[in-house]
N, C-alpha and C. Protein backbone atom coordinates (compact mmCIF):
# COMPACT_ATOMS: atom_id res chain seq x y z
N MET A 1 -14.60 -21.47 8.99
CA MET A 1 -14.37 -20.60 7.46
C MET A 1 -15.58 -19.64 7.41
N PRO A 2 -15.69 -18.63 7.59
CA PRO A 2 -17.36 -17.62 7.32
C PRO A 2 -17.56 -17.88 5.65
N THR A 3 -18.94 -18.06 5.80
CA THR A 3 -19.14 -17.81 4.31
C THR A 3 -18.78 -16.57 3.78
N SER A 4 -18.66 -16.67 2.37
CA SER A 4 -17.99 -15.61 1.81
C SER A 4 -18.90 -14.41 1.55
N THR A 5 -20.32 -14.28 1.62
CA THR A 5 -21.41 -13.35 2.12
C THR A 5 -21.17 -12.99 3.07
N ALA A 6 -20.69 -12.90 4.06
CA ALA A 6 -20.62 -12.68 5.41
C ALA A 6 -19.98 -10.94 5.18
N ILE A 7 -19.27 -10.80 4.30
CA ILE A 7 -18.39 -9.69 4.46
C ILE A 7 -19.26 -8.48 3.86
N PHE A 8 -20.78 -9.15 3.24
CA PHE A 8 -21.51 -8.06 2.97
C PHE A 8 -22.28 -7.18 4.06
N TRP A 9 -22.49 -8.05 5.46
CA TRP A 9 -22.72 -7.50 6.67
C TRP A 9 -22.40 -5.95 6.82
N PRO A 10 -20.81 -6.06 6.87
CA PRO A 10 -20.08 -4.67 7.32
C PRO A 10 -20.60 -3.69 6.01
N VAL A 11 -21.15 -4.30 4.86
CA VAL A 11 -21.20 -3.47 3.80
C VAL A 11 -22.71 -2.97 4.34
N ILE A 12 -23.74 -3.58 4.73
CA ILE A 12 -24.88 -2.96 4.63
C ILE A 12 -25.11 -2.14 6.06
N ALA A 13 -23.89 -2.41 6.91
CA ALA A 13 -24.19 -1.23 7.92
C ALA A 13 -23.36 0.24 7.29
N GLN A 14 -22.21 0.21 6.95
CA GLN A 14 -21.77 1.23 5.90
C GLN A 14 -22.96 1.42 5.31
N VAL A 15 -23.75 1.24 4.44
CA VAL A 15 -24.72 1.49 3.92
C VAL A 15 -26.01 2.62 4.73
N ALA A 16 -26.03 1.73 5.79
CA ALA A 16 -26.99 2.04 6.78
C ALA A 16 -26.81 3.28 7.40
N LEU A 17 -25.28 3.33 7.65
CA LEU A 17 -24.93 4.73 8.36
C LEU A 17 -25.23 5.96 7.11
N ILE A 18 -24.95 5.29 5.81
CA ILE A 18 -24.98 6.62 4.80
C ILE A 18 -26.37 7.49 4.69
N HIS A 19 -27.30 6.16 4.81
CA HIS A 19 -28.79 6.83 4.92
C HIS A 19 -29.12 7.37 6.23
N ALA A 20 -28.74 6.97 7.23
CA ALA A 20 -29.06 7.62 8.41
C ALA A 20 -28.61 9.31 8.59
N VAL A 21 -27.17 9.24 7.46
CA VAL A 21 -26.43 10.72 7.79
C VAL A 21 -27.54 11.80 6.91
N TYR A 22 -27.67 11.10 5.85
CA TYR A 22 -28.79 11.90 4.81
C TYR A 22 -29.77 12.17 5.43
N PHE A 23 -30.71 11.31 6.56
CA PHE A 23 -31.96 11.62 7.01
C PHE A 23 -31.59 12.70 8.33
N LEU A 24 -30.42 12.52 9.18
CA LEU A 24 -29.85 14.02 9.78
C LEU A 24 -30.18 15.23 9.29
N MET A 25 -29.26 14.99 7.92
CA MET A 25 -28.59 16.12 7.22
C MET A 25 -30.16 16.70 7.03
N LEU A 26 -30.96 15.90 6.30
CA LEU A 26 -32.62 16.34 5.77
C LEU A 26 -33.30 17.04 6.72
N LYS A 27 -33.30 16.52 8.18
CA LYS A 27 -33.82 16.74 9.08
C LYS A 27 -33.47 18.26 9.84
N ARG A 28 -32.27 18.40 9.67
CA ARG A 28 -31.56 19.48 9.92
C ARG A 28 -31.52 20.62 9.03
N ARG A 29 -31.89 20.53 7.67
CA ARG A 29 -32.19 21.48 7.09
C ARG A 29 -33.82 21.93 7.06
N TYR A 30 -34.47 20.82 7.37
CA TYR A 30 -35.90 21.48 7.36
C TYR A 30 -36.15 22.12 8.91
N ARG A 31 -35.38 21.47 9.50
CA ARG A 31 -35.43 22.36 10.96
C ARG A 31 -34.95 23.93 10.97
N ALA A 32 -34.01 24.27 10.11
CA ALA A 32 -32.95 25.18 9.54
C ALA A 32 -34.10 26.22 9.32
N VAL A 33 -34.83 25.49 7.95
CA VAL A 33 -35.69 26.48 7.08
C VAL A 33 -37.08 26.89 8.32
N ARG A 34 -37.54 25.83 8.55
CA ARG A 34 -38.59 26.43 10.15
C ARG A 34 -38.63 27.15 10.72
N ALA A 35 -37.36 27.12 11.23
CA ALA A 35 -36.54 28.39 12.33
C ALA A 35 -36.52 29.78 11.83
N GLY A 36 -36.23 29.83 10.55
CA GLY A 36 -36.03 31.19 9.90
C GLY A 36 -34.25 31.22 9.66
N LEU A 37 -33.75 29.89 9.80
CA LEU A 37 -32.19 30.34 10.09
C LEU A 37 -32.26 30.30 8.71
N ALA A 38 -32.69 29.74 7.35
CA ALA A 38 -32.67 29.40 6.14
C ALA A 38 -33.30 29.54 5.51
N LYS A 39 -33.49 30.12 4.26
CA LYS A 39 -34.52 29.69 3.23
C LYS A 39 -34.43 28.33 2.62
N ALA A 40 -35.39 27.74 2.00
CA ALA A 40 -35.27 26.51 1.39
C ALA A 40 -34.33 27.13 -0.37
N GLN A 41 -34.39 28.13 -0.50
CA GLN A 41 -33.55 28.10 -1.84
C GLN A 41 -32.28 28.19 -1.81
N ASP A 42 -31.90 28.74 -0.38
CA ASP A 42 -30.85 28.48 0.20
C ASP A 42 -30.07 27.42 -0.28
N TYR A 43 -30.64 26.56 -0.34
CA TYR A 43 -29.99 24.63 -0.35
C TYR A 43 -29.60 24.10 -1.56
N TRP A 44 -30.24 25.81 -2.90
CA TRP A 44 -29.92 25.12 -4.12
C TRP A 44 -28.44 25.24 -4.38
N VAL A 45 -27.71 25.93 -4.07
CA VAL A 45 -26.51 26.02 -4.10
C VAL A 45 -25.84 26.25 -2.38
N PRO A 46 -25.69 24.85 -1.45
CA PRO A 46 -25.27 25.86 -0.42
C PRO A 46 -24.27 26.45 -0.18
N ALA A 47 -23.90 27.47 -0.06
CA ALA A 47 -22.62 27.98 -0.06
C ALA A 47 -22.47 28.79 1.51
N ILE A 48 -23.77 29.23 1.76
CA ILE A 48 -23.92 29.45 3.03
C ILE A 48 -24.89 28.57 3.71
N GLU A 49 -24.59 27.44 4.78
CA GLU A 49 -25.77 27.36 5.30
C GLU A 49 -25.54 27.15 6.64
N PRO A 50 -26.55 27.15 7.44
CA PRO A 50 -26.88 26.98 9.44
C PRO A 50 -25.31 25.81 9.53
N ALA A 51 -24.51 26.17 10.35
CA ALA A 51 -23.73 25.03 10.91
C ALA A 51 -24.48 23.53 11.19
N PRO A 52 -25.26 23.18 11.75
CA PRO A 52 -25.80 22.10 12.35
C PRO A 52 -26.28 21.37 11.04
N SER A 53 -26.69 21.84 10.06
CA SER A 53 -27.15 20.98 8.71
C SER A 53 -25.77 20.69 7.78
N ALA A 54 -24.66 21.99 7.85
CA ALA A 54 -23.75 21.64 7.11
C ALA A 54 -22.66 21.04 7.68
N THR A 55 -22.71 20.60 9.12
CA THR A 55 -21.68 19.58 9.59
C THR A 55 -22.30 17.98 9.36
N ALA A 56 -23.61 18.16 9.19
CA ALA A 56 -24.25 17.10 8.42
C ALA A 56 -24.08 16.32 6.72
N ALA A 57 -24.29 17.64 6.44
CA ALA A 57 -24.08 17.81 4.94
C ALA A 57 -22.19 17.12 4.60
N ARG A 58 -21.31 17.85 5.05
CA ARG A 58 -20.07 17.62 5.31
C ARG A 58 -19.72 16.25 5.47
N SER A 59 -20.35 15.81 6.59
CA SER A 59 -20.31 14.44 7.14
C SER A 59 -20.96 13.13 5.86
N LEU A 60 -21.49 13.67 5.26
CA LEU A 60 -22.20 12.82 4.26
C LEU A 60 -21.51 12.80 3.45
N ILE A 61 -20.94 13.43 3.01
CA ILE A 61 -19.70 13.81 2.10
C ILE A 61 -18.69 13.02 2.04
N ASN A 62 -18.12 12.61 3.38
CA ASN A 62 -17.10 11.93 3.96
C ASN A 62 -17.62 10.59 3.82
N GLN A 63 -18.94 10.38 3.67
CA GLN A 63 -19.42 9.04 3.50
C GLN A 63 -19.14 8.34 1.94
N PHE A 64 -18.62 9.15 1.33
CA PHE A 64 -18.52 8.79 -0.18
C PHE A 64 -16.91 8.73 -0.40
N GLU A 65 -16.08 9.27 0.45
CA GLU A 65 -14.86 9.42 -0.13
C GLU A 65 -14.02 7.74 0.24
N LEU A 66 -13.51 7.95 1.19
CA LEU A 66 -13.08 6.28 2.02
C LEU A 66 -13.77 4.94 1.94
N PRO A 67 -15.00 5.38 2.22
CA PRO A 67 -15.88 4.33 1.96
C PRO A 67 -15.82 3.58 0.64
N VAL A 68 -16.10 4.54 -0.60
CA VAL A 68 -16.00 3.86 -1.47
C VAL A 68 -15.29 2.96 -1.88
N LEU A 69 -13.33 3.16 -1.10
CA LEU A 69 -12.81 2.00 -1.50
C LEU A 69 -13.05 0.81 -1.28
N PHE A 70 -13.60 0.72 0.34
CA PHE A 70 -14.19 -0.14 1.24
C PHE A 70 -15.19 -1.12 0.64
N PHE A 71 -16.31 -0.30 -0.04
CA PHE A 71 -16.84 -1.36 -1.02
C PHE A 71 -16.65 -2.10 -2.19
N LEU A 72 -15.49 -1.18 -2.79
CA LEU A 72 -14.89 -2.07 -3.74
C LEU A 72 -14.12 -3.07 -3.22
N VAL A 73 -13.35 -2.78 -2.38
CA VAL A 73 -12.27 -4.15 -1.76
C VAL A 73 -13.24 -5.15 -1.09
N CYS A 74 -14.57 -4.67 -0.73
CA CYS A 74 -15.47 -5.65 -0.16
C CYS A 74 -15.80 -6.63 -1.21
N ILE A 75 -16.11 -5.82 -2.69
CA ILE A 75 -16.80 -7.12 -3.62
C ILE A 75 -15.23 -7.63 -4.32
N LEU A 76 -14.15 -7.39 -4.55
CA LEU A 76 -13.15 -7.87 -4.89
C LEU A 76 -12.90 -9.03 -4.06
N LEU A 77 -13.01 -8.75 -2.67
CA LEU A 77 -12.87 -10.17 -2.06
C LEU A 77 -13.75 -11.24 -2.13
N TYR A 78 -15.08 -10.57 -2.10
CA TYR A 78 -15.90 -11.82 -2.36
C TYR A 78 -15.81 -12.27 -3.66
N VAL A 79 -15.12 -11.63 -4.59
CA VAL A 79 -15.34 -12.10 -6.14
C VAL A 79 -13.99 -13.18 -6.09
N ALA A 80 -13.35 -13.17 -5.40
CA ALA A 80 -12.08 -13.82 -5.46
C ALA A 80 -11.85 -14.75 -4.27
N ALA A 81 -13.02 -14.52 -3.63
CA ALA A 81 -12.98 -15.92 -2.74
C ALA A 81 -11.79 -15.71 -1.67
N GLY A 82 -11.87 -14.42 -1.50
CA GLY A 82 -10.98 -13.91 -0.32
C GLY A 82 -11.36 -13.84 1.27
N VAL A 83 -12.58 -14.21 1.35
CA VAL A 83 -13.32 -13.74 2.56
C VAL A 83 -12.88 -14.64 3.74
N ASN A 84 -12.05 -13.85 5.01
CA ASN A 84 -11.76 -14.78 5.79
C ASN A 84 -11.99 -14.11 7.29
N HIS A 85 -11.79 -14.63 8.28
CA HIS A 85 -12.16 -14.04 9.71
C HIS A 85 -11.51 -12.82 9.95
N VAL A 86 -9.98 -12.88 9.38
CA VAL A 86 -9.48 -11.54 9.49
C VAL A 86 -10.31 -10.24 8.72
N VAL A 87 -10.54 -10.95 7.39
CA VAL A 87 -11.15 -9.71 6.22
C VAL A 87 -12.34 -9.57 7.43
N LEU A 88 -13.19 -10.29 7.68
CA LEU A 88 -14.07 -9.81 8.27
C LEU A 88 -13.97 -8.60 9.89
N ALA A 89 -13.13 -8.93 10.39
CA ALA A 89 -12.70 -8.44 11.47
C ALA A 89 -11.62 -7.18 11.00
N ALA A 90 -11.22 -6.75 10.13
CA ALA A 90 -10.98 -5.75 9.55
C ALA A 90 -11.95 -4.88 8.95
N ALA A 91 -13.13 -5.73 8.27
CA ALA A 91 -14.20 -4.93 7.78
C ALA A 91 -14.96 -4.45 8.78
N TRP A 92 -15.26 -4.90 9.75
CA TRP A 92 -16.19 -4.36 10.72
C TRP A 92 -15.52 -3.58 11.44
N LEU A 93 -13.87 -3.43 11.63
CA LEU A 93 -13.54 -1.92 12.22
C LEU A 93 -13.62 -0.99 11.51
N PHE A 94 -13.46 -1.13 10.29
CA PHE A 94 -13.66 0.08 9.55
C PHE A 94 -14.91 0.77 9.56
N VAL A 95 -16.34 -0.15 9.32
CA VAL A 95 -17.28 0.48 9.72
C VAL A 95 -17.60 1.21 11.21
N LEU A 96 -17.10 0.05 12.14
CA LEU A 96 -17.49 0.80 13.30
C LEU A 96 -16.22 2.41 13.76
N SER A 97 -15.49 1.96 12.96
CA SER A 97 -14.68 3.83 12.84
C SER A 97 -15.53 4.74 12.11
N ARG A 98 -16.16 4.25 11.17
CA ARG A 98 -17.11 5.10 9.77
C ARG A 98 -18.07 5.74 11.10
N PHE A 99 -18.83 4.81 11.81
CA PHE A 99 -20.06 5.10 12.97
C PHE A 99 -19.69 6.22 13.62
N ALA A 100 -18.10 5.81 14.45
CA ALA A 100 -17.76 6.83 15.49
C ALA A 100 -17.36 8.07 14.64
N HIS A 101 -16.79 8.26 13.80
CA HIS A 101 -16.32 9.51 13.06
C HIS A 101 -17.64 10.08 12.61
N ALA A 102 -18.41 9.42 12.00
CA ALA A 102 -20.12 10.44 11.46
C ALA A 102 -20.35 10.80 12.87
N TYR A 103 -20.72 9.96 14.03
CA TYR A 103 -20.91 10.43 15.29
C TYR A 103 -19.97 11.63 15.61
N VAL A 104 -19.26 11.59 15.96
CA VAL A 104 -18.53 12.68 16.11
C VAL A 104 -18.64 13.90 15.52
N HIS A 105 -18.32 13.68 14.19
CA HIS A 105 -18.62 14.72 13.12
C HIS A 105 -19.72 15.51 13.50
N VAL A 106 -21.35 14.72 13.51
CA VAL A 106 -22.46 15.56 13.83
C VAL A 106 -22.84 15.84 15.03
N THR A 107 -21.88 15.36 15.99
CA THR A 107 -22.44 15.96 17.26
C THR A 107 -21.05 16.93 17.97
N SER A 108 -19.78 16.57 18.75
CA SER A 108 -19.15 17.48 19.22
C SER A 108 -18.32 18.02 17.95
N ASN A 109 -18.01 17.54 16.98
CA ASN A 109 -17.42 17.66 15.88
C ASN A 109 -15.85 18.12 16.38
N ARG A 110 -15.55 17.51 17.80
CA ARG A 110 -14.24 17.72 18.15
C ARG A 110 -13.33 17.14 17.22
N LEU A 111 -12.32 18.02 16.25
CA LEU A 111 -11.48 17.89 15.43
C LEU A 111 -10.52 16.86 15.55
N LYS A 112 -9.31 16.67 17.02
CA LYS A 112 -8.67 15.98 16.76
C LYS A 112 -9.34 14.34 17.25
N LEU A 113 -10.37 14.00 17.79
CA LEU A 113 -10.88 12.97 17.91
C LEU A 113 -11.41 12.27 16.38
N ARG A 114 -11.86 13.49 15.92
CA ARG A 114 -12.35 12.67 14.41
C ARG A 114 -11.00 12.36 13.56
N GLN A 115 -9.92 12.89 13.62
CA GLN A 115 -8.97 12.89 12.91
C GLN A 115 -8.29 11.31 13.41
N ARG A 116 -8.03 11.12 14.29
CA ARG A 116 -8.09 9.75 14.92
C ARG A 116 -8.81 8.74 14.42
N LEU A 117 -10.18 8.70 14.40
CA LEU A 117 -11.08 7.40 14.21
C LEU A 117 -10.88 7.82 12.42
N PHE A 118 -11.02 8.78 11.82
CA PHE A 118 -10.64 9.01 10.40
C PHE A 118 -9.55 8.22 10.19
N GLY A 119 -8.58 8.16 11.05
CA GLY A 119 -6.97 7.77 10.69
C GLY A 119 -7.31 6.28 10.83
N ALA A 120 -7.85 5.81 11.75
CA ALA A 120 -7.97 4.37 12.24
C ALA A 120 -9.08 3.71 10.90
N GLY A 121 -9.94 4.14 10.57
CA GLY A 121 -10.53 4.13 9.30
C GLY A 121 -9.80 3.67 8.08
N PHE A 122 -8.99 4.84 8.21
CA PHE A 122 -7.80 4.57 6.80
C PHE A 122 -7.05 2.97 7.01
N VAL A 123 -6.47 2.99 8.15
CA VAL A 123 -5.45 1.94 8.60
C VAL A 123 -6.46 0.91 8.06
N PHE A 124 -7.63 0.52 8.22
CA PHE A 124 -8.37 -0.66 8.54
C PHE A 124 -8.75 -1.19 7.00
N ASN A 125 -9.12 0.32 6.17
CA ASN A 125 -9.39 0.38 4.67
C ASN A 125 -8.25 -0.40 4.03
N PHE A 126 -6.32 -0.12 4.53
CA PHE A 126 -5.65 -0.14 4.06
C PHE A 126 -5.08 -1.88 4.27
N VAL A 127 -5.41 -2.24 5.59
CA VAL A 127 -5.18 -3.37 5.83
C VAL A 127 -6.11 -4.21 4.80
N LEU A 128 -7.53 -3.92 4.83
CA LEU A 128 -8.45 -4.74 4.06
C LEU A 128 -7.47 -4.92 2.04
N TRP A 129 -7.06 -3.95 1.81
CA TRP A 129 -6.41 -3.83 0.20
C TRP A 129 -5.00 -4.72 0.35
N LEU A 130 -4.51 -4.56 1.59
CA LEU A 130 -3.60 -5.50 1.69
C LEU A 130 -3.99 -6.55 1.82
N LEU A 131 -4.81 -7.13 2.24
CA LEU A 131 -5.45 -8.73 3.14
C LEU A 131 -5.76 -9.23 1.32
N PHE A 132 -6.32 -8.23 0.40
CA PHE A 132 -6.71 -8.91 -1.03
C PHE A 132 -5.45 -8.87 -1.76
N ALA A 133 -4.68 -8.18 -1.72
CA ALA A 133 -3.14 -8.26 -2.49
C ALA A 133 -2.46 -9.20 -2.13
N VAL A 134 -2.28 -9.79 -0.89
CA VAL A 134 -2.03 -11.24 -0.46
C VAL A 134 -2.74 -12.19 -0.90
N HIS A 135 -4.15 -12.26 -0.91
CA HIS A 135 -4.55 -13.15 -1.71
C HIS A 135 -4.85 -13.58 -2.86
N ILE A 136 -4.74 -12.26 -3.94
CA ILE A 136 -4.81 -12.32 -4.97
C ILE A 136 -2.94 -13.16 -5.72
N ALA A 137 -2.18 -12.80 -4.56
CA ALA A 137 -0.84 -13.08 -4.90
C ALA A 137 -0.65 -14.47 -4.86
N ARG A 138 -1.08 -15.07 -3.77
CA ARG A 138 -1.31 -16.62 -3.70
C ARG A 138 -2.14 -17.53 -5.03
N VAL A 139 -3.15 -16.70 -5.18
CA VAL A 139 -3.58 -17.44 -6.65
C VAL A 139 -3.38 -17.93 -7.68
């Protein structure tokens, strides 16, 4: 049986991904301004943004949608002492799917592949919630 704090390693990895996408977005926005493709004030209300930084910005928004449910279920599993090997596997698979999704989003942006990766993450997140529900039903 793993220690219950092991659930926080995939959480830390997901947070690292969020920071990496923030960095990428800022880097791409800075490059766009330096290249003359945008002005700094264009980002006050970014209605029209160069594609590379817009894609990174949209990927960043994605990191605050489904992952919010992931963060919550990880905390709840920790508090309820529901962390086990299956939970950890599902948590890591969720995070891996998010890394892959973000990578595709900010590189090739192939929609079909992105949809599949999102779907996988959605399923792993659902599994975590199901495992949490089963755990608290037994307590």
